[in-house]
């Protein structure tokens, strides 16, 4: 190609890719405007953290769910563990401070739902990133101009 050709490596920040709005995995929404907007979400990078390859046949929500699992699982797990420790502490406090301990503890059943809810919510929350300087990913229809018909 000669010495005059230079390539620009592009990546899309994970927090942008994981937003539910105009996701790049939705096959049915490919207007010129949306294609340009997807490309404008990518930035020039010196290195990529992940290369995201995806099946064009899989539903968009499966692809987004896989990214949520990849980026949110560890934080969601640790948050649920902390919530469970707090739940157990509250139940023990209530149980120990009752004059006649109630063996049914209806509060315990309610509290047991909290850690599970925390896990599911943080796992599925697409923008659960602690910082905006998130991972940079390569996704073809965000990092390669899709409206360039000339090649």
C-alpha atoms as a PDB file:
ATOM      1  CA  UNK A   1       0.000   0.000   0.000  1.00  0.00           C
ATOM      2  CA  UNK A   2       2.958   2.288   0.190  1.00  0.00           C
ATOM      3  CA  UNK A   3       4.225   4.654   2.834  1.00  0.00           C
ATOM      4  CA  UNK A   4       1.462   7.237   2.420  1.00  0.00           C
ATOM      5  CA  UNK A   5      -1.294   4.957   3.717  1.00  0.00           C
ATOM      6  CA  UNK A   6      -2.064   5.225   7.418  1.00  0.00           C
ATOM      7  CA  UNK A   7      -4.738   3.459   9.376  1.00  0.00           C
ATOM      8  CA  UNK A   8      -6.574   4.836  12.346  1.00  0.00           C
ATOM      9  CA  UNK A   9      -7.471   2.386  15.067  1.00  0.00           C
ATOM     10  CA  UNK A  10     -10.881   3.193  16.486  1.00  0.00           C
ATOM     11  CA  UNK A  11     -12.661   1.950  19.559  1.00  0.00           C
ATOM     12  CA  UNK A  12     -15.933   2.645  21.281  1.00  0.00           C
ATOM     13  CA  UNK A  13     -16.029   3.146  25.069  1.00  0.00           C
ATOM     14  CA  UNK A  14     -17.902   0.349  26.829  1.00  0.00           C
ATOM     15  CA  UNK A  15     -20.278   2.717  28.595  1.00  0.00           C
ATOM     16  CA  UNK A  16     -21.434   4.072  25.217  1.00  0.00           C
ATOM     17  CA  UNK A  17     -21.752   0.628  23.683  1.00  0.00           C
ATOM     18  CA  UNK A  18     -23.784  -0.643  26.603  1.00  0.00           C
ATOM     19  CA  UNK A  19     -26.346   2.129  26.545  1.00  0.00           C
ATOM     20  CA  UNK A  20     -29.726   0.834  25.454  1.00  0.00           C
ATOM     21  CA  UNK A  21     -30.290   3.800  23.127  1.00  0.00           C
ATOM     22  CA  UNK A  22     -29.492   3.153  19.445  1.00  0.00           C
ATOM     23  CA  UNK A  23     -27.482   0.054  20.164  1.00  0.00           C
ATOM     24  CA  UNK A  24     -25.258  -1.112  17.314  1.00  0.00           C
ATOM     25  CA  UNK A  25     -26.568  -4.660  17.524  1.00  0.00           C
ATOM     26  CA  UNK A  26     -30.083  -3.793  16.392  1.00  0.00           C
ATOM     27  CA  UNK A  27     -30.230  -4.873  12.744  1.00  0.00           C
ATOM     28  CA  UNK A  28     -33.536  -3.214  11.968  1.00  0.00           C
ATOM     29  CA  UNK A  29     -32.468   0.363  12.669  1.00  0.00           C
ATOM     30  CA  UNK A  30     -29.850   1.164  10.027  1.00  0.00           C
ATOM     31  CA  UNK A  31     -30.679   4.588   8.650  1.00  0.00           C
ATOM     32  CA  UNK A  32     -27.841   6.749   7.330  1.00  0.00           C
ATOM     33  CA  UNK A  33     -28.220   9.016  10.332  1.00  0.00           C
ATOM     34  CA  UNK A  34     -28.028   6.174  12.872  1.00  0.00           C
ATOM     35  CA  UNK A  35     -25.012   4.669  11.089  1.00  0.00           C
ATOM     36  CA  UNK A  36     -23.177   8.005  11.256  1.00  0.00           C
ATOM     37  CA  UNK A  37     -24.131   8.424  14.920  1.00  0.00           C
ATOM     38  CA  UNK A  38     -22.794   4.963  15.738  1.00  0.00           C
ATOM     39  CA  UNK A  39     -19.511   5.754  14.020  1.00  0.00           C
ATOM     40  CA  UNK A  40     -19.306   9.092  15.846  1.00  0.00           C
ATOM     41  CA  UNK A  41     -19.428   7.185  19.151  1.00  0.00           C
ATOM     42  CA  UNK A  42     -16.060   5.630  18.356  1.00  0.00           C
ATOM     43  CA  UNK A  43     -12.809   7.457  19.011  1.00  0.00           C
ATOM     44  CA  UNK A  44      -9.218   7.106  17.858  1.00  0.00           C
ATOM     45  CA  UNK A  45      -7.308   4.878  20.253  1.00  0.00           C
ATOM     46  CA  UNK A  46      -3.749   3.671  20.566  1.00  0.00           C
ATOM     47  CA  UNK A  47      -4.885   0.256  21.816  1.00  0.00           C
ATOM     48  CA  UNK A  48      -8.071  -1.744  22.282  1.00  0.00           C
ATOM     49  CA  UNK A  49      -9.115  -3.663  25.373  1.00  0.00           C
ATOM     50  CA  UNK A  50     -11.581  -6.006  23.648  1.00  0.00           C
ATOM     51  CA  UNK A  51     -12.521  -7.064  20.144  1.00  0.00           C
ATOM     52  CA  UNK A  52     -16.252  -7.724  20.103  1.00  0.00           C
ATOM     53  CA  UNK A  53     -17.284 -10.156  17.435  1.00  0.00           C
ATOM     54  CA  UNK A  54     -20.955 -10.834  17.126  1.00  0.00           C
ATOM     55  CA  UNK A  55     -23.374 -12.975  15.200  1.00  0.00           C
ATOM     56  CA  UNK A  56     -25.581 -11.012  12.854  1.00  0.00           C
ATOM     57  CA  UNK A  57     -28.300 -13.637  13.363  1.00  0.00           C
ATOM     58  CA  UNK A  58     -28.541 -13.420  17.153  1.00  0.00           C
ATOM     59  CA  UNK A  59     -31.092 -11.029  18.656  1.00  0.00           C
ATOM     60  CA  UNK A  60     -29.653  -7.676  19.811  1.00  0.00           C
ATOM     61  CA  UNK A  61     -30.697  -8.245  23.417  1.00  0.00           C
ATOM     62  CA  UNK A  62     -28.577 -11.421  23.658  1.00  0.00           C
ATOM     63  CA  UNK A  63     -25.511  -9.468  22.556  1.00  0.00           C
ATOM     64  CA  UNK A  64     -26.196  -6.685  25.027  1.00  0.00           C
ATOM     65  CA  UNK A  65     -26.828  -9.218  27.793  1.00  0.00           C
ATOM     66  CA  UNK A  66     -23.451 -10.840  27.057  1.00  0.00           C
ATOM     67  CA  UNK A  67     -21.751  -7.443  27.431  1.00  0.00           C
ATOM     68  CA  UNK A  68     -23.612  -6.795  30.683  1.00  0.00           C
ATOM     69  CA  UNK A  69     -22.338 -10.135  31.977  1.00  0.00           C
ATOM     70  CA  UNK A  70     -18.782  -9.434  30.814  1.00  0.00           C
ATOM     71  CA  UNK A  71     -18.542  -5.957  32.323  1.00  0.00           C
ATOM     72  CA  UNK A  72     -20.930  -6.084  35.287  1.00  0.00           C
ATOM     73  CA  UNK A  73     -20.731  -9.600  36.748  1.00  0.00           C
ATOM     74  CA  UNK A  74     -17.864  -9.022  39.165  1.00  0.00           C
ATOM     75  CA  UNK A  75     -19.189  -5.719  40.535  1.00  0.00           C
ATOM     76  CA  UNK A  76     -22.714  -7.091  40.777  1.00  0.00           C
ATOM     77  CA  UNK A  77     -21.447 -10.156  42.656  1.00  0.00           C
ATOM     78  CA  UNK A  78     -19.418  -8.141  45.177  1.00  0.00           C
ATOM     79  CA  UNK A  79     -22.293  -5.723  45.697  1.00  0.00           C
ATOM     80  CA  UNK A  80     -24.689  -8.615  46.316  1.00  0.00           C
ATOM     81  CA  UNK A  81     -22.255 -10.143  48.837  1.00  0.00           C
ATOM     82  CA  UNK A  82     -22.076  -6.830  50.721  1.00  0.00           C
ATOM     83  CA  UNK A  83     -25.881  -6.590  50.632  1.00  0.00           C
ATOM     84  CA  UNK A  84     -26.148 -10.161  51.972  1.00  0.00           C
ATOM     85  CA  UNK A  85     -23.769  -9.375  54.850  1.00  0.00           C
ATOM     86  CA  UNK A  86     -25.877  -6.339  55.729  1.00  0.00           C
ATOM     87  CA  UNK A  87     -29.043  -8.463  55.516  1.00  0.00           C
ATOM     88  CA  UNK A  88     -27.656 -11.087  57.887  1.00  0.00           C
ATOM     89  CA  UNK A  89     -26.473  -8.378  60.285  1.00  0.00           C
ATOM     90  CA  UNK A  90     -29.920  -6.753  60.351  1.00  0.00           C
ATOM     91  CA  UNK A  91     -31.692 -10.087  60.877  1.00  0.00           C
ATOM     92  CA  UNK A  92     -29.311 -11.035  63.709  1.00  0.00           C
ATOM     93  CA  UNK A  93     -29.753  -7.621  65.305  1.00  0.00           C
ATOM     94  CA  UNK A  94     -33.546  -7.911  65.159  1.00  0.00           C
ATOM     95  CA  UNK A  95     -33.469 -11.490  66.443  1.00  0.00           C
ATOM     96  CA  UNK A  96     -31.092 -10.754  69.322  1.00  0.00           C
ATOM     97  CA  UNK A  97     -32.912  -7.615  70.485  1.00  0.00           C
ATOM     98  CA  UNK A  98     -36.389  -9.132  70.714  1.00  0.00           C
ATOM     99  CA  UNK A  99     -37.603  -9.966  74.217  1.00  0.00           C
ATOM    100  CA  UNK A 100     -39.324 -13.105  72.941  1.00  0.00           C
ATOM    101  CA  UNK A 101     -37.555 -14.178  69.745  1.00  0.00           C
ATOM    102  CA  UNK A 102     -39.946 -14.683  66.865  1.00  0.00           C
ATOM    103  CA  UNK A 103     -38.935 -17.787  64.963  1.00  0.00           C
ATOM    104  CA  UNK A 104     -40.800 -16.842  61.804  1.00  0.00           C
ATOM    105  CA  UNK A 105     -38.969 -13.526  61.269  1.00  0.00           C
ATOM    106  CA  UNK A 106     -41.012 -12.191  58.323  1.00  0.00           C
ATOM    107  CA  UNK A 107     -38.435  -9.445  57.998  1.00  0.00           C
ATOM    108  CA  UNK A 108     -35.816 -12.051  57.104  1.00  0.00           C
ATOM    109  CA  UNK A 109     -37.785 -13.178  54.061  1.00  0.00           C
ATOM    110  CA  UNK A 110     -38.071  -9.614  52.815  1.00  0.00           C
ATOM    111  CA  UNK A 111     -34.406  -8.900  53.450  1.00  0.00           C
ATOM    112  CA  UNK A 112     -33.349 -12.045  51.597  1.00  0.00           C
ATOM    113  CA  UNK A 113     -34.749 -10.551  48.394  1.00  0.00           C
ATOM    114  CA  UNK A 114     -32.518  -7.492  48.616  1.00  0.00           C
ATOM    115  CA  UNK A 115     -29.180  -9.124  47.756  1.00  0.00           C
ATOM    116  CA  UNK A 116     -30.742 -11.004  44.853  1.00  0.00           C
ATOM    117  CA  UNK A 117     -32.344  -7.805  43.596  1.00  0.00           C
ATOM    118  CA  UNK A 118     -29.049  -5.917  43.925  1.00  0.00           C
ATOM    119  CA  UNK A 119     -27.271  -8.591  41.900  1.00  0.00           C
ATOM    120  CA  UNK A 120     -29.846  -8.691  39.101  1.00  0.00           C
ATOM    121  CA  UNK A 121     -30.190  -4.913  38.920  1.00  0.00           C
ATOM    122  CA  UNK A 122     -26.442  -4.254  38.784  1.00  0.00           C
ATOM    123  CA  UNK A 123     -25.844  -7.114  36.367  1.00  0.00           C
ATOM    124  CA  UNK A 124     -28.438  -5.866  33.897  1.00  0.00           C
ATOM    125  CA  UNK A 125     -27.854  -2.149  34.340  1.00  0.00           C
ATOM    126  CA  UNK A 126     -26.102  -1.350  31.070  1.00  0.00           C
ATOM    127  CA  UNK A 127     -24.169   1.681  32.298  1.00  0.00           C
ATOM    128  CA  UNK A 128     -22.901   0.263  35.581  1.00  0.00           C
ATOM    129  CA  UNK A 129     -19.411   1.690  35.231  1.00  0.00           C
ATOM    130  CA  UNK A 130     -17.609   3.337  38.120  1.00  0.00           C
ATOM    131  CA  UNK A 131     -15.620   5.586  35.824  1.00  0.00           C
ATOM    132  CA  UNK A 132     -16.181   7.105  32.411  1.00  0.00           C
ATOM    133  CA  UNK A 133     -12.693   6.029  31.350  1.00  0.00           C
ATOM    134  CA  UNK A 134     -14.001   2.590  30.577  1.00  0.00           C
ATOM    135  CA  UNK A 135     -12.720  -0.164  28.344  1.00  0.00           C
ATOM    136  CA  UNK A 136     -12.309   0.565  24.646  1.00  0.00           C
ATOM    137  CA  UNK A 137     -13.850  -2.045  22.365  1.00  0.00           C
ATOM    138  CA  UNK A 138     -13.763  -2.672  18.657  1.00  0.00           C
ATOM    139  CA  UNK A 139     -17.208  -3.293  17.181  1.00  0.00           C
ATOM    140  CA  UNK A 140     -17.326  -3.340  13.404  1.00  0.00           C
ATOM    141  CA  UNK A 141     -20.404  -1.208  12.811  1.00  0.00           C
ATOM    142  CA  UNK A 142     -19.210   1.441  15.277  1.00  0.00           C
ATOM    143  CA  UNK A 143     -15.536   1.589  14.313  1.00  0.00           C
ATOM    144  CA  UNK A 144     -15.789   1.175  10.530  1.00  0.00           C
ATOM    145  CA  UNK A 145     -17.875   3.698   8.571  1.00  0.00           C
ATOM    146  CA  UNK A 146     -20.958   1.790   7.410  1.00  0.00           C
ATOM    147  CA  UNK A 147     -22.135   4.453   4.979  1.00  0.00           C
ATOM    148  CA  UNK A 148     -18.965   4.342   2.849  1.00  0.00           C
ATOM    149  CA  UNK A 149     -20.271   2.643  -0.293  1.00  0.00           C
ATOM    150  CA  UNK A 150     -17.017   3.220  -2.175  1.00  0.00           C
ATOM    151  CA  UNK A 151     -15.089   0.855   0.094  1.00  0.00           C
END
